[in-house]
PDB file of N, CA and C in Angstrom:
ATOM      1  N   MET A   1      49.692 -10.225  44.722  1.00  0.00           N
ATOM      2  CA  MET A   1      49.831 -10.686  46.083  1.00  0.00           C
ATOM      3  C   MET A   1      49.830 -12.219  46.106  1.00  0.00           C
ATOM      4  N   GLU A   2      50.762 -12.779  46.820  1.00  0.00           N
ATOM      5  CA  GLU A   2      50.881 -14.234  46.899  1.00  0.00           C
ATOM      6  C   GLU A   2      49.843 -14.801  47.868  1.00  0.00           C
ATOM      7  N   ASN A   3      49.268 -15.927  47.465  1.00  0.00           N
ATOM      8  CA  ASN A   3      48.298 -16.608  48.326  1.00  0.00           C
ATOM      9  C   ASN A   3      49.058 -17.408  49.378  1.00  0.00           C
ATOM     10  N   ILE A   4      48.789 -17.123  50.646  1.00  0.00           N
ATOM     11  CA  ILE A   4      49.521 -17.795  51.724  1.00  0.00           C
ATOM     12  C   ILE A   4      48.888 -19.115  52.144  1.00  0.00           C
ATOM     13  N   PHE A   5      47.709 -19.415  51.627  1.00  0.00           N
ATOM     14  CA  PHE A   5      47.024 -20.639  52.035  1.00  0.00           C
ATOM     15  C   PHE A   5      47.510 -21.816  51.193  1.00  0.00           C
ATOM     16  N   ARG A   6      48.087 -22.790  51.867  1.00  0.00           N
ATOM     17  CA  ARG A   6      48.745 -23.910  51.185  1.00  0.00           C
ATOM     18  C   ARG A   6      47.791 -24.803  50.403  1.00  0.00           C
ATOM     19  N   HIS A   7      46.551 -24.934  50.849  1.00  0.00           N
ATOM     20  CA  HIS A   7      45.636 -25.857  50.170  1.00  0.00           C
ATOM     21  C   HIS A   7      45.426 -25.482  48.702  1.00  0.00           C
ATOM     22  N   ASN A   8      45.568 -24.210  48.375  1.00  0.00           N
ATOM     23  CA  ASN A   8      45.401 -23.769  46.987  1.00  0.00           C
ATOM     24  C   ASN A   8      46.498 -24.281  46.069  1.00  0.00           C
ATOM     25  N   LYS A   9      47.578 -24.758  46.646  1.00  0.00           N
ATOM     26  CA  LYS A   9      48.709 -25.255  45.848  1.00  0.00           C
ATOM     27  C   LYS A   9      48.520 -26.710  45.416  1.00  0.00           C
ATOM     28  N   PHE A  10      47.511 -27.370  45.944  1.00  0.00           N
ATOM     29  CA  PHE A  10      47.249 -28.773  45.609  1.00  0.00           C
ATOM     30  C   PHE A  10      46.186 -28.855  44.518  1.00  0.00           C
ATOM     31  N   GLU A  11      46.536 -29.489  43.400  1.00  0.00           N
ATOM     32  CA  GLU A  11      45.573 -29.652  42.300  1.00  0.00           C
ATOM     33  C   GLU A  11      44.300 -30.353  42.754  1.00  0.00           C
ATOM     34  N   VAL A  12      44.457 -31.329  43.633  1.00  0.00           N
ATOM     35  CA  VAL A  12      43.306 -32.100  44.092  1.00  0.00           C
ATOM     36  C   VAL A  12      42.307 -31.207  44.836  1.00  0.00           C
ATOM     37  N   TYR A  13      42.788 -30.136  45.420  1.00  0.00           N
ATOM     38  CA  TYR A  13      41.891 -29.179  46.075  1.00  0.00           C
ATOM     39  C   TYR A  13      40.978 -28.526  45.033  1.00  0.00           C
ATOM     40  N   GLY A  14      41.569 -28.048  43.952  1.00  0.00           N
ATOM     41  CA  GLY A  14      40.780 -27.441  42.873  1.00  0.00           C
ATOM     42  C   GLY A  14      39.808 -28.427  42.246  1.00  0.00           C
ATOM     43  N   GLU A  15      40.259 -29.673  42.096  1.00  0.00           N
ATOM     44  CA  GLU A  15      39.393 -30.712  41.540  1.00  0.00           C
ATOM     45  C   GLU A  15      38.224 -31.009  42.472  1.00  0.00           C
ATOM     46  N   SER A  16      38.479 -30.961  43.763  1.00  0.00           N
ATOM     47  CA  SER A  16      37.396 -31.227  44.720  1.00  0.00           C
ATOM     48  C   SER A  16      36.393 -30.077  44.747  1.00  0.00           C
ATOM     49  N   ILE A  17      36.858 -28.855  44.523  1.00  0.00           N
ATOM     50  CA  ILE A  17      35.947 -27.697  44.417  1.00  0.00           C
ATOM     51  C   ILE A  17      35.017 -27.896  43.225  1.00  0.00           C
ATOM     52  N   LEU A  18      35.581 -28.293  42.102  1.00  0.00           N
ATOM     53  CA  LEU A  18      34.777 -28.529  40.896  1.00  0.00           C
ATOM     54  C   LEU A  18      33.762 -29.651  41.124  1.00  0.00           C
ATOM     55  N   TYR A  19      34.191 -30.721  41.779  1.00  0.00           N
ATOM     56  CA  TYR A  19      33.287 -31.829  42.078  1.00  0.00           C
ATOM     57  C   TYR A  19      32.139 -31.354  42.976  1.00  0.00           C
ATOM     58  N   SER A  20      32.464 -30.581  43.992  1.00  0.00           N
ATOM     59  CA  SER A  20      31.442 -30.049  44.892  1.00  0.00           C
ATOM     60  C   SER A  20      30.445 -29.175  44.121  1.00  0.00           C
ATOM     61  N   LYS A  21      30.963 -28.374  43.212  1.00  0.00           N
ATOM     62  CA  LYS A  21      30.092 -27.524  42.384  1.00  0.00           C
ATOM     63  C   LYS A  21      29.149 -28.383  41.543  1.00  0.00           C
ATOM     64  N   ASN A  22      29.686 -29.428  40.928  1.00  0.00           N
ATOM     65  CA  ASN A  22      28.863 -30.313  40.101  1.00  0.00           C
ATOM     66  C   ASN A  22      27.804 -31.048  40.928  1.00  0.00           C
ATOM     67  N   ILE A  23      28.174 -31.439  42.138  1.00  0.00           N
ATOM     68  CA  ILE A  23      27.207 -32.082  43.031  1.00  0.00           C
ATOM     69  C   ILE A  23      26.094 -31.102  43.382  1.00  0.00           C
ATOM     70  N   ARG A  24      26.442 -29.854  43.660  1.00  0.00           N
ATOM     71  CA  ARG A  24      25.428 -28.843  43.988  1.00  0.00           C
ATOM     72  C   ARG A  24      24.479 -28.596  42.807  1.00  0.00           C
ATOM     73  N   LEU A  25      25.035 -28.562  41.616  1.00  0.00           N
ATOM     74  CA  LEU A  25      24.186 -28.388  40.425  1.00  0.00           C
ATOM     75  C   LEU A  25      23.196 -29.537  40.306  1.00  0.00           C
ATOM     76  N   PHE A  26      23.669 -30.756  40.556  1.00  0.00           N
ATOM     77  CA  PHE A  26      22.769 -31.909  40.516  1.00  0.00           C
ATOM     78  C   PHE A  26      21.743 -31.837  41.647  1.00  0.00           C
ATOM     79  N   ALA A  27      22.191 -31.494  42.840  1.00  0.00           N
ATOM     80  CA  ALA A  27      21.307 -31.487  44.019  1.00  0.00           C
ATOM     81  C   ALA A  27      20.129 -30.545  43.836  1.00  0.00           C
ATOM     82  N   LYS A  28      20.313 -29.487  43.056  1.00  0.00           N
ATOM     83  CA  LYS A  28      19.204 -28.558  42.790  1.00  0.00           C
ATOM     84  C   LYS A  28      18.054 -29.253  42.071  1.00  0.00           C
ATOM     85  N   LEU A  29      18.349 -30.360  41.401  1.00  0.00           N
ATOM     86  CA  LEU A  29      17.340 -31.080  40.627  1.00  0.00           C
ATOM     87  C   LEU A  29      16.581 -32.125  41.445  1.00  0.00           C
ATOM     88  N   LEU A  30      17.026 -32.354  42.672  1.00  0.00           N
ATOM     89  CA  LEU A  30      16.354 -33.354  43.506  1.00  0.00           C
ATOM     90  C   LEU A  30      14.936 -32.903  43.846  1.00  0.00           C
ATOM     91  N   PRO A  31      14.044 -33.867  44.031  1.00  0.00           N
ATOM     92  CA  PRO A  31      12.653 -33.499  44.340  1.00  0.00           C
ATOM     93  C   PRO A  31      12.536 -32.806  45.697  1.00  0.00           C
ATOM     94  N   LYS A  32      11.477 -32.062  45.849  1.00  0.00           N
ATOM     95  CA  LYS A  32      11.207 -31.311  47.073  1.00  0.00           C
ATOM     96  C   LYS A  32      11.198 -32.216  48.305  1.00  0.00           C
ATOM     97  N   THR A  33      10.787 -33.468  48.121  1.00  0.00           N
ATOM     98  CA  THR A  33      10.727 -34.405  49.253  1.00  0.00           C
ATOM     99  C   THR A  33      12.103 -34.661  49.863  1.00  0.00           C
ATOM    100  N   GLU A  34      13.162 -34.370  49.131  1.00  0.00           N
ATOM    101  CA  GLU A  34      14.525 -34.598  49.607  1.00  0.00           C
ATOM    102  C   GLU A  34      15.202 -33.309  50.098  1.00  0.00           C
ATOM    103  N   GLU A  35      14.422 -32.244  50.207  1.00  0.00           N
ATOM    104  CA  GLU A  35      14.957 -30.933  50.594  1.00  0.00           C
ATOM    105  C   GLU A  35      15.657 -30.947  51.956  1.00  0.00           C
ATOM    106  N   TYR A  36      15.157 -31.740  52.874  1.00  0.00           N
ATOM    107  CA  TYR A  36      15.711 -31.744  54.224  1.00  0.00           C
ATOM    108  C   TYR A  36      16.363 -33.071  54.623  1.00  0.00           C
ATOM    109  N   SER A  37      16.581 -33.932  53.642  1.00  0.00           N
ATOM    110  CA  SER A  37      17.226 -35.204  53.964  1.00  0.00           C
ATOM    111  C   SER A  37      18.398 -35.476  53.016  1.00  0.00           C
ATOM    112  N   LEU A  38      18.134 -36.008  51.866  1.00  0.00           N
ATOM    113  CA  LEU A  38      19.206 -36.425  50.964  1.00  0.00           C
ATOM    114  C   LEU A  38      19.987 -35.237  50.382  1.00  0.00           C
ATOM    115  N   LYS A  39      19.292 -34.181  50.017  1.00  0.00           N
ATOM    116  CA  LYS A  39      19.955 -33.028  49.395  1.00  0.00           C
ATOM    117  C   LYS A  39      21.032 -32.411  50.296  1.00  0.00           C
ATOM    118  N   PRO A  40      20.712 -32.055  51.539  1.00  0.00           N
ATOM    119  CA  PRO A  40      21.775 -31.486  52.375  1.00  0.00           C
ATOM    120  C   PRO A  40      22.861 -32.499  52.738  1.00  0.00           C
ATOM    121  N   GLN A  41      22.496 -33.758  52.853  1.00  0.00           N
ATOM    122  CA  GLN A  41      23.503 -34.796  53.148  1.00  0.00           C
ATOM    123  C   GLN A  41      24.512 -34.872  52.012  1.00  0.00           C
ATOM    124  N   LEU A  42      24.013 -34.863  50.793  1.00  0.00           N
ATOM    125  CA  LEU A  42      24.863 -34.941  49.611  1.00  0.00           C
ATOM    126  C   LEU A  42      25.772 -33.715  49.497  1.00  0.00           C
ATOM    127  N   THR A  43      25.211 -32.533  49.655  1.00  0.00           N
ATOM    128  CA  THR A  43      26.020 -31.325  49.500  1.00  0.00           C
ATOM    129  C   THR A  43      27.021 -31.161  50.650  1.00  0.00           C
ATOM    130  N   ARG A  44      26.623 -31.518  51.857  1.00  0.00           N
ATOM    131  CA  ARG A  44      27.558 -31.440  52.982  1.00  0.00           C
ATOM    132  C   ARG A  44      28.731 -32.407  52.796  1.00  0.00           C
ATOM    133  N   ALA A  45      28.435 -33.596  52.308  1.00  0.00           N
ATOM    134  CA  ALA A  45      29.503 -34.580  52.079  1.00  0.00           C
ATOM    135  C   ALA A  45      30.471 -34.071  51.007  1.00  0.00           C
ATOM    136  N   ALA A  46      29.936 -33.496  49.940  1.00  0.00           N
ATOM    137  CA  ALA A  46      30.800 -32.965  48.874  1.00  0.00           C
ATOM    138  C   ALA A  46      31.645 -31.805  49.384  1.00  0.00           C
ATOM    139  N   ASP A  47      31.041 -30.935  50.179  1.00  0.00           N
ATOM    140  CA  ASP A  47      31.802 -29.824  50.761  1.00  0.00           C
ATOM    141  C   ASP A  47      32.869 -30.335  51.716  1.00  0.00           C
ATOM    142  N   SER A  48      32.579 -31.402  52.419  1.00  0.00           N
ATOM    143  CA  SER A  48      33.516 -31.974  53.377  1.00  0.00           C
ATOM    144  C   SER A  48      34.775 -32.501  52.696  1.00  0.00           C
ATOM    145  N   VAL A  49      34.649 -32.960  51.471  1.00  0.00           N
ATOM    146  CA  VAL A  49      35.832 -33.394  50.711  1.00  0.00           C
ATOM    147  C   VAL A  49      36.802 -32.218  50.608  1.00  0.00           C
ATOM    148  N   VAL A  50      36.269 -31.076  50.219  1.00  0.00           N
ATOM    149  CA  VAL A  50      37.067 -29.858  50.047  1.00  0.00           C
ATOM    150  C   VAL A  50      37.622 -29.371  51.388  1.00  0.00           C
ATOM    151  N   LEU A  51      36.738 -29.266  52.357  1.00  0.00           N
ATOM    152  CA  LEU A  51      37.100 -28.661  53.640  1.00  0.00           C
ATOM    153  C   LEU A  51      38.139 -29.476  54.407  1.00  0.00           C
ATOM    154  N   ASN A  52      38.085 -30.787  54.291  1.00  0.00           N
ATOM    155  CA  ASN A  52      39.075 -31.614  54.982  1.00  0.00           C
ATOM    156  C   ASN A  52      40.468 -31.467  54.370  1.00  0.00           C
ATOM    157  N   ILE A  53      40.533 -31.251  53.070  1.00  0.00           N
ATOM    158  CA  ILE A  53      41.837 -30.987  52.445  1.00  0.00           C
ATOM    159  C   ILE A  53      42.397 -29.678  52.998  1.00  0.00           C
ATOM    160  N   ALA A  54      41.566 -28.643  52.992  1.00  0.00           N
ATOM    161  CA  ALA A  54      42.009 -27.329  53.459  1.00  0.00           C
ATOM    162  C   ALA A  54      42.417 -27.354  54.931  1.00  0.00           C
ATOM    163  N   GLU A  55      41.628 -28.005  55.744  1.00  0.00           N
ATOM    164  CA  GLU A  55      41.928 -28.049  57.173  1.00  0.00           C
ATOM    165  C   GLU A  55      43.171 -28.898  57.453  1.00  0.00           C
ATOM    166  N   GLY A  56      43.295 -29.997  56.735  1.00  0.00           N
ATOM    167  CA  GLY A  56      44.394 -30.918  57.002  1.00  0.00           C
ATOM    168  C   GLY A  56      45.754 -30.413  56.578  1.00  0.00           C
ATOM    169  N   VAL A  57      45.812 -29.698  55.484  1.00  0.00           N
ATOM    170  CA  VAL A  57      47.115 -29.284  54.947  1.00  0.00           C
ATOM    171  C   VAL A  57      47.838 -28.321  55.887  1.00  0.00           C
ATOM    172  N   ASP A  58      47.107 -27.584  56.669  1.00  0.00           N
ATOM    173  CA  ASP A  58      47.749 -26.634  57.576  1.00  0.00           C
ATOM    174  C   ASP A  58      47.912 -27.165  58.995  1.00  0.00           C
ATOM    175  N   ARG A  59      47.737 -28.440  59.171  1.00  0.00           N
ATOM    176  CA  ARG A  59      48.056 -29.055  60.459  1.00  0.00           C
ATOM    177  C   ARG A  59      49.573 -29.112  60.605  1.00  0.00           C
ATOM    178  N   TYR A  60      50.037 -29.288  61.795  1.00  0.00           N
ATOM    179  CA  TYR A  60      51.474 -29.215  62.046  1.00  0.00           C
ATOM    180  C   TYR A  60      52.244 -30.467  61.666  1.00  0.00           C
ATOM    181  N   THR A  61      51.542 -31.584  61.516  1.00  0.00           N
ATOM    182  CA  THR A  61      52.265 -32.811  61.183  1.00  0.00           C
ATOM    183  C   THR A  61      51.649 -33.480  59.969  1.00  0.00           C
ATOM    184  N   ASN A  62      52.453 -34.262  59.282  1.00  0.00           N
ATOM    185  CA  ASN A  62      51.950 -35.043  58.156  1.00  0.00           C
ATOM    186  C   ASN A  62      50.964 -36.103  58.617  1.00  0.00           C
ATOM    187  N   LYS A  63      51.148 -36.586  59.844  1.00  0.00           N
ATOM    188  CA  LYS A  63      50.212 -37.565  60.395  1.00  0.00           C
ATOM    189  C   LYS A  63      48.811 -36.970  60.483  1.00  0.00           C
ATOM    190  N   ASP A  64      48.723 -35.721  60.937  1.00  0.00           N
ATOM    191  CA  ASP A  64      47.419 -35.042  60.989  1.00  0.00           C
ATOM    192  C   ASP A  64      46.865 -34.803  59.585  1.00  0.00           C
ATOM    193  N   PHE A  65      47.741 -34.390  58.676  1.00  0.00           N
ATOM    194  CA  PHE A  65      47.308 -34.165  57.298  1.00  0.00           C
ATOM    195  C   PHE A  65      46.748 -35.451  56.703  1.00  0.00           C
ATOM    196  N   ALA A  66      47.433 -36.565  56.925  1.00  0.00           N
ATOM    197  CA  ALA A  66      46.970 -37.866  56.411  1.00  0.00           C
ATOM    198  C   ALA A  66      45.593 -38.217  56.989  1.00  0.00           C
ATOM    199  N   LYS A  67      45.391 -37.905  58.257  1.00  0.00           N
ATOM    200  CA  LYS A  67      44.097 -38.173  58.896  1.00  0.00           C
ATOM    201  C   LYS A  67      42.981 -37.383  58.201  1.00  0.00           C
ATOM    202  N   PHE A  68      43.237 -36.124  57.900  1.00  0.00           N
ATOM    203  CA  PHE A  68      42.222 -35.313  57.235  1.00  0.00           C
ATOM    204  C   PHE A  68      42.007 -35.748  55.790  1.00  0.00           C
ATOM    205  N   LEU A  69      43.059 -36.199  55.127  1.00  0.00           N
ATOM    206  CA  LEU A  69      42.893 -36.742  53.772  1.00  0.00           C
ATOM    207  C   LEU A  69      42.023 -37.994  53.812  1.00  0.00           C
ATOM    208  N   ASN A  70      42.213 -38.807  54.835  1.00  0.00           N
ATOM    209  CA  ASN A  70      41.380 -39.997  55.003  1.00  0.00           C
ATOM    210  C   ASN A  70      39.912 -39.599  55.191  1.00  0.00           C
ATOM    211  N   GLN A  71      39.677 -38.556  55.960  1.00  0.00           N
ATOM    212  CA  GLN A  71      38.300 -38.071  56.152  1.00  0.00           C
ATOM    213  C   GLN A  71      37.723 -37.531  54.841  1.00  0.00           C
ATOM    214  N   SER A  72      38.575 -36.890  54.051  1.00  0.00           N
ATOM    215  CA  SER A  72      38.147 -36.386  52.748  1.00  0.00           C
ATOM    216  C   SER A  72      37.728 -37.537  51.833  1.00  0.00           C
ATOM    217  N   ILE A  73      38.516 -38.607  51.837  1.00  0.00           N
ATOM    218  CA  ILE A  73      38.192 -39.802  51.041  1.00  0.00           C
ATOM    219  C   ILE A  73      36.880 -40.419  51.525  1.00  0.00           C
ATOM    220  N   ALA A  74      36.693 -40.482  52.839  1.00  0.00           N
ATOM    221  CA  ALA A  74      35.454 -41.035  53.395  1.00  0.00           C
ATOM    222  C   ALA A  74      34.247 -40.185  52.996  1.00  0.00           C
ATOM    223  N   SER A  75      34.405 -38.880  52.987  1.00  0.00           N
ATOM    224  CA  SER A  75      33.313 -37.996  52.569  1.00  0.00           C
ATOM    225  C   SER A  75      32.995 -38.182  51.088  1.00  0.00           C
ATOM    226  N   LEU A  76      34.028 -38.405  50.294  1.00  0.00           N
ATOM    227  CA  LEU A  76      33.817 -38.678  48.872  1.00  0.00           C
ATOM    228  C   LEU A  76      33.004 -39.957  48.701  1.00  0.00           C
ATOM    229  N   SER A  77      33.342 -40.976  49.466  1.00  0.00           N
ATOM    230  CA  SER A  77      32.572 -42.228  49.420  1.00  0.00           C
ATOM    231  C   SER A  77      31.118 -41.990  49.836  1.00  0.00           C
ATOM    232  N   GLU A  78      30.924 -41.091  50.776  1.00  0.00           N
ATOM    233  CA  GLU A  78      29.560 -40.756  51.193  1.00  0.00           C
ATOM    234  C   GLU A  78      28.775 -40.116  50.046  1.00  0.00           C
ATOM    235  N   THR A  79      29.427 -39.248  49.263  1.00  0.00           N
ATOM    236  CA  THR A  79      28.724 -38.658  48.119  1.00  0.00           C
ATOM    237  C   THR A  79      28.329 -39.729  47.110  1.00  0.00           C
ATOM    238  N   VAL A  80      29.206 -40.700  46.911  1.00  0.00           N
ATOM    239  CA  VAL A  80      28.905 -41.789  45.978  1.00  0.00           C
ATOM    240  C   VAL A  80      27.708 -42.601  46.484  1.00  0.00           C
ATOM    241  N   ALA A  81      27.674 -42.871  47.783  1.00  0.00           N
ATOM    242  CA  ALA A  81      26.532 -43.598  48.356  1.00  0.00           C
ATOM    243  C   ALA A  81      25.239 -42.802  48.172  1.00  0.00           C
ATOM    244  N   CYS A  82      25.302 -41.500  48.344  1.00  0.00           N
ATOM    245  CA  CYS A  82      24.127 -40.657  48.117  1.00  0.00           C
ATOM    246  C   CYS A  82      23.678 -40.724  46.653  1.00  0.00           C
ATOM    247  N   LEU A  83      24.645 -40.714  45.748  1.00  0.00           N
ATOM    248  CA  LEU A  83      24.311 -40.831  44.323  1.00  0.00           C
ATOM    249  C   LEU A  83      23.689 -42.194  44.018  1.00  0.00           C
ATOM    250  N   ASP A  84      24.188 -43.238  44.699  1.00  0.00           N
ATOM    251  CA  ASP A  84      23.589 -44.566  44.542  1.00  0.00           C
ATOM    252  C   ASP A  84      22.124 -44.556  44.987  1.00  0.00           C
ATOM    253  N   ILE A  85      21.847 -43.886  46.080  1.00  0.00           N
ATOM    254  CA  ILE A  85      20.470 -43.760  46.568  1.00  0.00           C
ATOM    255  C   ILE A  85      19.627 -43.000  45.552  1.00  0.00           C
ATOM    256  N   CYS A  86      20.196 -41.947  44.985  1.00  0.00           N
ATOM    257  CA  CYS A  86      19.477 -41.178  43.958  1.00  0.00           C
ATOM    258  C   CYS A  86      19.140 -42.049  42.753  1.00  0.00           C
ATOM    259  N   LEU A  87      20.092 -42.856  42.330  1.00  0.00           N
ATOM    260  CA  LEU A  87      19.861 -43.747  41.195  1.00  0.00           C
ATOM    261  C   LEU A  87      18.779 -44.770  41.530  1.00  0.00           C
ATOM    262  N   ALA A  88      18.855 -45.347  42.709  1.00  0.00           N
ATOM    263  CA  ALA A  88      17.876 -46.363  43.122  1.00  0.00           C
ATOM    264  C   ALA A  88      16.462 -45.805  43.201  1.00  0.00           C
ATOM    265  N   ASN A  89      16.355 -44.501  43.483  1.00  0.00           N
ATOM    266  CA  ASN A  89      15.044 -43.865  43.607  1.00  0.00           C
ATOM    267  C   ASN A  89      14.631 -43.096  42.348  1.00  0.00           C
ATOM    268  N   ASP A  90      15.371 -43.324  41.268  1.00  0.00           N
ATOM    269  CA  ASP A  90      15.087 -42.677  39.979  1.00  0.00           C
ATOM    270  C   ASP A  90      15.135 -41.154  40.036  1.00  0.00           C
ATOM    271  N   TYR A  91      16.032 -40.615  40.881  1.00  0.00           N
ATOM    272  CA  TYR A  91      16.233 -39.171  40.947  1.00  0.00           C
ATOM    273  C   TYR A  91      17.276 -38.700  39.937  1.00  0.00           C
ATOM    274  N   ILE A  92      18.017 -39.661  39.387  1.00  0.00           N
ATOM    275  CA  ILE A  92      19.070 -39.341  38.428  1.00  0.00           C
ATOM    276  C   ILE A  92      19.065 -40.409  37.337  1.00  0.00           C
ATOM    277  N   ARG A  93      19.340 -39.984  36.124  1.00  0.00           N
ATOM    278  CA  ARG A  93      19.436 -40.931  35.011  1.00  0.00           C
ATOM    279  C   ARG A  93      20.836 -41.524  34.959  1.00  0.00           C
ATOM    280  N   GLU A  94      20.948 -42.594  34.203  1.00  0.00           N
ATOM    281  CA  GLU A  94      22.215 -43.328  34.122  1.00  0.00           C
ATOM    282  C   GLU A  94      23.385 -42.451  33.666  1.00  0.00           C
ATOM    283  N   ALA A  95      23.200 -41.671  32.604  1.00  0.00           N
ATOM    284  CA  ALA A  95      24.317 -40.894  32.044  1.00  0.00           C
ATOM    285  C   ALA A  95      24.881 -39.874  33.041  1.00  0.00           C
ATOM    286  N   PRO A  96      24.052 -39.016  33.646  1.00  0.00           N
ATOM    287  CA  PRO A  96      24.633 -38.084  34.615  1.00  0.00           C
ATOM    288  C   PRO A  96      25.179 -38.788  35.858  1.00  0.00           C
ATOM    289  N   TYR A  97      24.553 -39.891  36.238  1.00  0.00           N
ATOM    290  CA  TYR A  97      25.057 -40.674  37.364  1.00  0.00           C
ATOM    291  C   TYR A  97      26.485 -41.136  37.074  1.00  0.00           C
ATOM    292  N   HIS A  98      26.693 -41.728  35.899  1.00  0.00           N
ATOM    293  CA  HIS A  98      28.020 -42.240  35.546  1.00  0.00           C
ATOM    294  C   HIS A  98      29.033 -41.108  35.381  1.00  0.00           C
ATOM    295  N   GLU A  99      28.572 -39.961  34.937  1.00  0.00           N
ATOM    296  CA  GLU A  99      29.459 -38.790  34.831  1.00  0.00           C
ATOM    297  C   GLU A  99      29.962 -38.380  36.213  1.00  0.00           C
ATOM    298  N   LEU A 100      29.060 -38.260  37.172  1.00  0.00           N
ATOM    299  CA  LEU A 100      29.450 -37.876  38.534  1.00  0.00           C
ATOM    300  C   LEU A 100      30.291 -38.962  39.209  1.00  0.00           C
ATOM    301  N   ILE A 101      29.933 -40.213  38.971  1.00  0.00           N
ATOM    302  CA  ILE A 101      30.720 -41.315  39.544  1.00  0.00           C
ATOM    303  C   ILE A 101      32.129 -41.316  38.948  1.00  0.00           C
ATOM    304  N   GLY A 102      32.230 -41.052  37.656  1.00  0.00           N
ATOM    305  CA  GLY A 102      33.548 -40.968  37.006  1.00  0.00           C
ATOM    306  C   GLY A 102      34.397 -39.864  37.613  1.00  0.00           C
ATOM    307  N   GLN A 103      33.787 -38.724  37.877  1.00  0.00           N
ATOM    308  CA  GLN A 103      34.507 -37.625  38.532  1.00  0.00           C
ATOM    309  C   GLN A 103      34.958 -38.046  39.935  1.00  0.00           C
ATOM    310  N   ALA A 104      34.080 -38.737  40.641  1.00  0.00           N
ATOM    311  CA  ALA A 104      34.409 -39.200  41.993  1.00  0.00           C
ATOM    312  C   ALA A 104      35.570 -40.195  41.955  1.00  0.00           C
ATOM    313  N   GLU A 105      35.580 -41.071  40.967  1.00  0.00           N
ATOM    314  CA  GLU A 105      36.657 -42.059  40.857  1.00  0.00           C
ATOM    315  C   GLU A 105      38.006 -41.395  40.620  1.00  0.00           C
ATOM    316  N   VAL A 106      38.033 -40.402  39.748  1.00  0.00           N
ATOM    317  CA  VAL A 106      39.275 -39.676  39.482  1.00  0.00           C
ATOM    318  C   VAL A 106      39.742 -38.966  40.748  1.00  0.00           C
ATOM    319  N   LEU A 107      38.811 -38.320  41.418  1.00  0.00           N
ATOM    320  CA  LEU A 107      39.138 -37.609  42.655  1.00  0.00           C
ATOM    321  C   LEU A 107      39.622 -38.582  43.733  1.00  0.00           C
ATOM    322  N   TYR A 108      38.972 -39.727  43.824  1.00  0.00           N
ATOM    323  CA  TYR A 108      39.383 -40.753  44.787  1.00  0.00           C
ATOM    324  C   TYR A 108      40.834 -41.176  44.546  1.00  0.00           C
ATOM    325  N   LYS A 109      41.173 -41.429  43.293  1.00  0.00           N
ATOM    326  CA  LYS A 109      42.535 -41.852  42.960  1.00  0.00           C
ATOM    327  C   LYS A 109      43.557 -40.769  43.312  1.00  0.00           C
ATOM    328  N   ARG A 110      43.206 -39.519  43.046  1.00  0.00           N
ATOM    329  CA  ARG A 110      44.113 -38.411  43.352  1.00  0.00           C
ATOM    330  C   ARG A 110      44.290 -38.243  44.864  1.00  0.00           C
ATOM    331  N   LEU A 111      43.175 -38.307  45.596  1.00  0.00           N
ATOM    332  CA  LEU A 111      43.252 -38.189  47.057  1.00  0.00           C
ATOM    333  C   LEU A 111      44.031 -39.353  47.663  1.00  0.00           C
ATOM    334  N   ASN A 112      43.777 -40.537  47.149  1.00  0.00           N
ATOM    335  CA  ASN A 112      44.461 -41.731  47.657  1.00  0.00           C
ATOM    336  C   ASN A 112      45.963 -41.665  47.373  1.00  0.00           C
ATOM    337  N   ALA A 113      46.338 -41.172  46.204  1.00  0.00           N
ATOM    338  CA  ALA A 113      47.763 -41.040  45.865  1.00  0.00           C
ATOM    339  C   ALA A 113      48.443 -40.035  46.797  1.00  0.00           C
ATOM    340  N   LEU A 114      47.773 -38.912  47.057  1.00  0.00           N
ATOM    341  CA  LEU A 114      48.332 -37.920  47.971  1.00  0.00           C
ATOM    342  C   LEU A 114      48.430 -38.495  49.382  1.00  0.00           C
ATOM    343  N   HIS A 115      47.395 -39.201  49.797  1.00  0.00           N
ATOM    344  CA  HIS A 115      47.403 -39.837  51.124  1.00  0.00           C
ATOM    345  C   HIS A 115      48.567 -40.824  51.231  1.00  0.00           C
ATOM    346  N   SER A 116      48.788 -41.601  50.188  1.00  0.00           N
ATOM    347  CA  SER A 116      49.893 -42.573  50.187  1.00  0.00           C
ATOM    348  C   SER A 116      51.245 -41.882  50.286  1.00  0.00           C
ATOM    349  N   ARG A 117      51.424 -40.788  49.551  1.00  0.00           N
ATOM    350  CA  ARG A 117      52.687 -40.040  49.608  1.00  0.00           C
ATOM    351  C   ARG A 117      52.927 -39.482  51.011  1.00  0.00           C
ATOM    352  N   ILE A 118      51.892 -38.920  51.595  1.00  0.00           N
ATOM    353  CA  ILE A 118      52.016 -38.345  52.935  1.00  0.00           C
ATOM    354  C   ILE A 118      52.297 -39.464  53.942  1.00  0.00           C
ATOM    355  N   SER A 119      51.607 -40.575  53.813  1.00  0.00           N
ATOM    356  CA  SER A 119      51.805 -41.704  54.737  1.00  0.00           C
ATOM    357  C   SER A 119      53.215 -42.269  54.631  1.00  0.00           C
ATOM    358  N   LYS A 120      53.741 -42.333  53.413  1.00  0.00           N
ATOM    359  CA  LYS A 120      55.121 -42.821  53.224  1.00  0.00           C
ATOM    360  C   LYS A 120      56.105 -41.909  53.938  1.00  0.00           C
ATOM    361  N   SER A 121      55.877 -40.606  53.851  1.00  0.00           N
ATOM    362  CA  SER A 121      56.793 -39.674  54.514  1.00  0.00           C
ATOM    363  C   SER A 121      56.751 -39.841  56.026  1.00  0.00           C
ATOM    364  N   ILE A 122      55.605 -40.217  56.560  1.00  0.00           N
ATOM    365  CA  ILE A 122      55.485 -40.460  58.000  1.00  0.00           C
ATOM    366  C   ILE A 122      56.298 -41.699  58.379  1.00  0.00           C
ATOM    367  N   LYS A 123      56.196 -42.762  57.573  1.00  0.00           N
ATOM    368  CA  LYS A 123      56.915 -44.003  57.852  1.00  0.00           C
ATOM    369  C   LYS A 123      58.427 -43.807  57.745  1.00  0.00           C
ATOM    370  N   GLN A 124      58.862 -42.949  56.823  1.00  0.00           N
ATOM    371  CA  GLN A 124      60.290 -42.700  56.665  1.00  0.00           C
ATOM    372  C   GLN A 124      60.860 -41.949  57.877  1.00  0.00           C
ATOM    373  N   ILE A 125      60.051 -41.112  58.467  1.00  0.00           N
ATOM    374  CA  ILE A 125      60.484 -40.343  59.636  1.00  0.00           C
ATOM    375  C   ILE A 125      60.589 -41.252  60.857  1.00  0.00           C
ATOM    376  N   ASN A 126      59.626 -42.169  60.983  1.00  0.00           N
ATOM    377  CA  ASN A 126      59.601 -43.066  62.146  1.00  0.00           C
ATOM    378  C   ASN A 126      60.609 -44.122  61.974  1.00  0.00           C
TER     379      ASN A 126
END
């Protein structure tokens, strides 16, 4: 059976799922004191990267899709800020921090490239 949902056709969607999974694995290690503050903020931001791609791709216009990609990029930046807070508070060591940041950088570049392609198509139409 063919999958009718378009977001599954974008590699960056699969990459964002993996990133969200890795963030969740890390978040499980956060101290109990962060159970109701930093932990849910971090996981919600990571999930938002994924969800904005899925929601945006099925909008009726490329302009709307570009808007949701922008929100996805902003959510990715939010996860990085959360990781920075974790590092500053000694919740994460340097090596895993740099691993997650490296994943975020790759994802950022992929999302930004897709956003640029979609934005160019909007400008060509106008």
